[in-house]
N, C-alpha and C. Protein backbone atom coordinates (compact mmCIF):
# COMPACT_ATOMS: atom_id res chain seq x y z
N UNK A 1 -12.36 60.52 -17.76
CA UNK A 1 -11.83 59.94 -18.17
C UNK A 1 -10.39 61.44 -18.26
N UNK A 2 -10.90 62.18 -18.77
CA UNK A 2 -9.59 63.30 -18.98
C UNK A 2 -9.14 63.86 -17.92
N UNK A 3 -9.61 63.71 -16.76
CA UNK A 3 -9.26 64.37 -15.94
C UNK A 3 -8.19 63.19 -15.16
N UNK A 4 -8.51 61.96 -15.24
CA UNK A 4 -7.43 61.11 -14.78
C UNK A 4 -6.36 61.09 -15.47
N UNK A 5 -6.30 61.04 -16.89
CA UNK A 5 -5.15 61.14 -17.89
C UNK A 5 -4.31 62.35 -17.60
N UNK A 6 -5.51 63.71 -17.16
CA UNK A 6 -4.10 65.15 -16.68
C UNK A 6 -3.83 64.77 -15.25
N UNK A 7 -4.22 63.96 -14.90
CA UNK A 7 -3.79 63.39 -13.24
C UNK A 7 -2.60 63.17 -13.27
N UNK A 8 -2.62 61.76 -13.92
CA UNK A 8 -1.52 61.06 -14.39
C UNK A 8 -0.19 61.42 -15.40
N UNK A 9 -0.83 62.41 -15.68
CA UNK A 9 0.46 63.29 -16.42
C UNK A 9 1.31 64.33 -15.40
N UNK A 10 0.62 64.78 -14.97
CA UNK A 10 1.03 65.53 -13.95
C UNK A 10 1.93 64.70 -13.04
N UNK A 11 1.52 64.00 -12.52
CA UNK A 11 1.87 63.40 -11.57
C UNK A 11 3.41 62.29 -12.15
N UNK A 12 3.20 62.05 -13.74
CA UNK A 12 4.71 61.49 -14.05
C UNK A 12 5.64 62.68 -13.64
N UNK A 13 5.00 63.90 -14.44
CA UNK A 13 5.86 65.05 -14.27
C UNK A 13 6.53 65.45 -12.90
N UNK A 14 5.81 65.34 -11.92
CA UNK A 14 6.37 65.78 -10.83
C UNK A 14 7.12 64.45 -10.31
N UNK A 15 7.07 63.21 -10.74
CA UNK A 15 7.91 61.73 -10.35
C UNK A 15 8.98 62.28 -11.18
N UNK A 16 9.28 62.96 -12.01
CA UNK A 16 10.44 62.98 -13.20
C UNK A 16 11.47 63.14 -12.44
N UNK A 17 11.59 64.45 -11.56
CA UNK A 17 12.49 64.95 -10.46
C UNK A 17 12.76 63.77 -9.51
N UNK A 18 12.26 63.16 -9.08
CA UNK A 18 12.51 61.95 -8.26
C UNK A 18 13.71 61.37 -8.79
N UNK A 19 13.15 60.75 -10.56
CA UNK A 19 14.04 59.84 -11.04
C UNK A 19 15.37 60.53 -11.36
N UNK A 20 15.52 61.58 -12.01
CA UNK A 20 16.65 62.69 -12.14
C UNK A 20 17.16 62.54 -11.03
N UNK A 21 17.00 63.03 -9.62
CA UNK A 21 18.17 62.78 -8.66
C UNK A 21 18.11 61.80 -7.87
N UNK A 22 17.21 60.70 -7.87
CA UNK A 22 17.28 59.06 -7.05
C UNK A 22 18.37 58.06 -8.35
N UNK A 23 17.46 58.04 -9.81
CA UNK A 23 17.89 57.25 -10.49
C UNK A 23 18.79 57.22 -11.47
N UNK A 24 19.23 58.67 -11.98
CA UNK A 24 20.36 59.04 -12.97
C UNK A 24 21.68 59.03 -12.46
N UNK A 25 21.63 59.46 -11.10
CA UNK A 25 23.21 58.86 -10.50
C UNK A 25 23.50 57.50 -10.59
N UNK A 26 22.53 56.53 -10.28
CA UNK A 26 22.88 55.44 -10.47
C UNK A 26 23.15 54.67 -11.66
N UNK A 27 22.12 55.47 -12.78
CA UNK A 27 22.43 55.11 -14.50
C UNK A 27 23.75 55.39 -14.47
N UNK A 28 24.07 56.56 -14.22
CA UNK A 28 25.55 56.99 -14.95
C UNK A 28 26.72 56.33 -14.23
N UNK A 29 26.55 55.59 -12.92
CA UNK A 29 27.85 54.68 -12.05
C UNK A 29 27.59 53.74 -12.77
N UNK A 30 26.61 53.29 -13.83
CA UNK A 30 26.68 51.36 -14.39
C UNK A 30 27.83 51.57 -15.19
N UNK A 31 29.00 50.68 -14.96
CA UNK A 31 30.08 50.85 -15.86
C UNK A 31 29.79 50.27 -17.68
N UNK A 32 30.29 50.71 -18.47
CA UNK A 32 30.28 50.29 -19.90
C UNK A 32 31.52 49.27 -19.85
N UNK A 33 31.05 47.98 -20.47
CA UNK A 33 32.15 47.19 -20.66
C UNK A 33 33.20 47.40 -21.50
N UNK A 34 32.92 48.54 -22.27
CA UNK A 34 33.72 48.72 -23.41
C UNK A 34 33.73 50.20 -24.14
N UNK A 35 34.48 50.62 -24.10
CA UNK A 35 34.35 52.19 -24.89
C UNK A 35 33.43 52.08 -26.07
N UNK A 36 32.93 53.09 -26.14
CA UNK A 36 31.99 53.50 -27.29
C UNK A 36 30.60 53.66 -26.90
N UNK A 37 29.94 53.95 -27.78
CA UNK A 37 28.19 54.30 -27.29
C UNK A 37 27.53 53.07 -27.37
N UNK A 38 27.90 51.59 -28.48
CA UNK A 38 27.09 50.61 -28.42
C UNK A 38 27.46 49.81 -27.00
N UNK A 39 28.76 50.14 -26.49
CA UNK A 39 28.49 49.42 -25.04
C UNK A 39 27.87 50.46 -24.12
N UNK A 40 27.84 51.29 -24.13
CA UNK A 40 27.02 52.45 -22.90
C UNK A 40 25.32 51.85 -23.25
N UNK A 41 25.06 51.90 -24.67
CA UNK A 41 23.86 51.66 -24.89
C UNK A 41 23.28 50.20 -24.56
N UNK A 42 24.14 49.33 -24.67
CA UNK A 42 23.85 47.94 -23.78
C UNK A 42 23.44 47.94 -22.45
N UNK A 43 24.73 48.26 -21.78
CA UNK A 43 24.20 48.62 -20.48
C UNK A 43 23.25 49.35 -19.98
N UNK A 44 23.26 50.35 -20.66
CA UNK A 44 22.07 51.59 -20.11
C UNK A 44 20.33 50.42 -20.69
N UNK A 45 20.36 49.54 -21.78
CA UNK A 45 19.25 48.48 -21.81
C UNK A 45 19.08 47.43 -21.15
N UNK A 46 20.20 47.17 -20.54
CA UNK A 46 20.16 45.79 -19.20
C UNK A 46 19.76 46.59 -17.97
N UNK A 47 20.73 47.67 -17.41
CA UNK A 47 20.14 48.14 -16.69
C UNK A 47 18.36 48.17 -16.33
N UNK A 48 17.76 49.33 -17.81
CA UNK A 48 16.78 49.66 -17.69
C UNK A 48 15.75 48.53 -18.13
N UNK A 49 15.94 47.12 -18.71
CA UNK A 49 15.44 45.93 -18.82
C UNK A 49 14.99 45.25 -16.82
N UNK A 50 16.34 45.85 -16.24
CA UNK A 50 15.80 44.94 -14.99
C UNK A 50 15.33 45.96 -13.93
N UNK A 51 15.11 46.88 -14.58
CA UNK A 51 14.25 47.89 -13.67
C UNK A 51 12.72 47.60 -14.32
N UNK A 52 12.40 47.21 -15.10
CA UNK A 52 11.30 47.14 -15.77
C UNK A 52 10.66 45.75 -14.99
N UNK A 53 11.46 44.81 -15.02
CA UNK A 53 11.47 43.53 -14.50
C UNK A 53 10.74 43.54 -13.36
N UNK A 54 11.93 44.22 -12.27
CA UNK A 54 11.59 44.22 -11.26
C UNK A 54 10.40 45.69 -10.73
N UNK A 55 9.75 46.12 -11.72
CA UNK A 55 8.53 47.09 -11.28
C UNK A 55 7.75 45.93 -11.49
N UNK A 56 7.74 45.52 -12.67
CA UNK A 56 6.41 44.07 -12.61
C UNK A 56 6.29 43.18 -11.76
N UNK A 57 7.20 42.35 -11.32
CA UNK A 57 7.26 41.09 -10.27
C UNK A 57 6.93 41.71 -9.13
N UNK A 58 7.15 43.34 -8.84
CA UNK A 58 6.34 43.94 -7.51
C UNK A 58 5.18 44.64 -7.58
N UNK A 59 4.84 44.56 -8.89
CA UNK A 59 3.02 44.68 -9.01
C UNK A 59 2.69 43.97 -9.48
N UNK A 60 3.04 42.55 -9.45
CA UNK A 60 2.45 41.18 -9.49
C UNK A 60 2.62 40.90 -8.09
N UNK A 61 3.05 40.98 -7.40
CA UNK A 61 3.25 40.63 -5.88
C UNK A 61 2.41 40.88 -5.11
N UNK A 62 1.86 42.79 -5.64
CA UNK A 62 0.92 43.30 -4.70
C UNK A 62 -0.38 42.76 -5.10
N UNK A 63 -0.50 42.89 -6.54
CA UNK A 63 -1.98 41.97 -7.07
C UNK A 63 -2.48 40.90 -6.10
N UNK A 64 -0.97 40.34 -6.41
CA UNK A 64 -1.56 38.64 -5.83
C UNK A 64 -1.98 38.99 -4.27
N UNK A 65 -1.32 39.48 -3.23
CA UNK A 65 -1.65 40.02 -2.13
C UNK A 65 -2.72 40.41 -1.94
N UNK A 66 -3.09 41.55 -2.79
CA UNK A 66 -4.70 42.28 -2.57
C UNK A 66 -5.39 41.39 -2.95
N UNK A 67 -5.47 40.34 -3.90
CA UNK A 67 -6.60 39.51 -4.43
C UNK A 67 -6.62 38.63 -3.77
N UNK A 68 -5.55 38.02 -2.88
CA UNK A 68 -5.77 37.24 -1.83
C UNK A 68 -6.60 37.36 -0.33
N UNK A 69 -6.49 38.87 -0.10
CA UNK A 69 -6.86 39.38 1.10
C UNK A 69 -8.35 39.63 0.71
N UNK A 70 -8.84 39.87 -0.56
CA UNK A 70 -10.30 40.56 -1.18
C UNK A 70 -10.40 41.51 -1.10
N UNK A 71 -9.22 42.66 -1.59
CA UNK A 71 -9.41 44.07 -1.64
C UNK A 71 -8.91 44.21 -3.20
N UNK A 72 -9.59 43.18 -4.23
CA UNK A 72 -9.05 43.81 -5.34
C UNK A 72 -10.64 43.76 -6.35
N UNK A 73 -11.59 44.59 -5.91
CA UNK A 73 -12.81 44.53 -6.23
C UNK A 73 -13.31 46.16 -6.82
N UNK A 74 -13.74 46.16 -7.74
CA UNK A 74 -14.23 47.38 -7.72
C UNK A 74 -15.53 47.57 -8.48
N UNK A 75 -16.39 49.07 -8.40
CA UNK A 75 -18.01 48.62 -9.08
C UNK A 75 -17.77 48.14 -10.66
N UNK A 76 -19.09 48.03 -10.84
CA UNK A 76 -18.63 47.72 -12.42
C UNK A 76 -18.54 48.34 -13.88
N UNK A 77 -19.05 49.36 -13.21
CA UNK A 77 -18.50 50.52 -13.99
C UNK A 77 -17.05 51.08 -13.99
N UNK A 78 -16.78 51.01 -13.51
CA UNK A 78 -15.31 51.48 -13.13
C UNK A 78 -13.93 51.07 -13.49
N UNK A 79 -12.81 51.42 -14.06
CA UNK A 79 -12.10 50.40 -14.40
C UNK A 79 -11.02 50.03 -13.25
N UNK A 80 -10.97 48.77 -13.43
CA UNK A 80 -10.90 47.80 -11.85
C UNK A 80 -8.87 47.85 -12.17
N UNK A 81 -8.30 48.26 -11.32
CA UNK A 81 -6.95 48.48 -10.93
C UNK A 81 -6.38 47.68 -10.84
N UNK A 82 -6.87 46.11 -10.34
CA UNK A 82 -6.49 45.22 -10.32
C UNK A 82 -7.40 43.79 -11.66
N UNK A 83 -7.17 44.40 -12.75
CA UNK A 83 -7.76 43.97 -13.83
C UNK A 83 -7.15 42.36 -14.01
N UNK A 84 -7.77 41.50 -13.95
CA UNK A 84 -7.49 39.98 -14.17
C UNK A 84 -8.91 39.76 -15.51
N UNK A 85 -8.26 39.06 -16.85
CA UNK A 85 -8.99 38.91 -17.49
C UNK A 85 -9.74 37.41 -17.12
N UNK A 86 -9.34 36.34 -16.45
CA UNK A 86 -9.99 35.17 -15.83
C UNK A 86 -10.25 35.56 -14.61
N UNK A 87 -10.97 36.42 -14.10
CA UNK A 87 -11.38 36.77 -12.78
C UNK A 87 -12.88 37.04 -12.84
């Protein structure tokens, strides 16, 4: 399990360069409704909440598609990436 966590950490670090290069300018371009740090914080929270919702919906749709075609199976002793408590 430690090797899996180390790999996930390294991929996260490597992916942060992508986020800074691609998402950073988009986040900086979002206008604030009013001057001040509270307005900027509010618009940033709204932007990131939308991003999280989009990622969650994308993941759910891919999972539903994989489950519908029957590729959401794993060995009994392996953590199922397509985990479903009612499956």
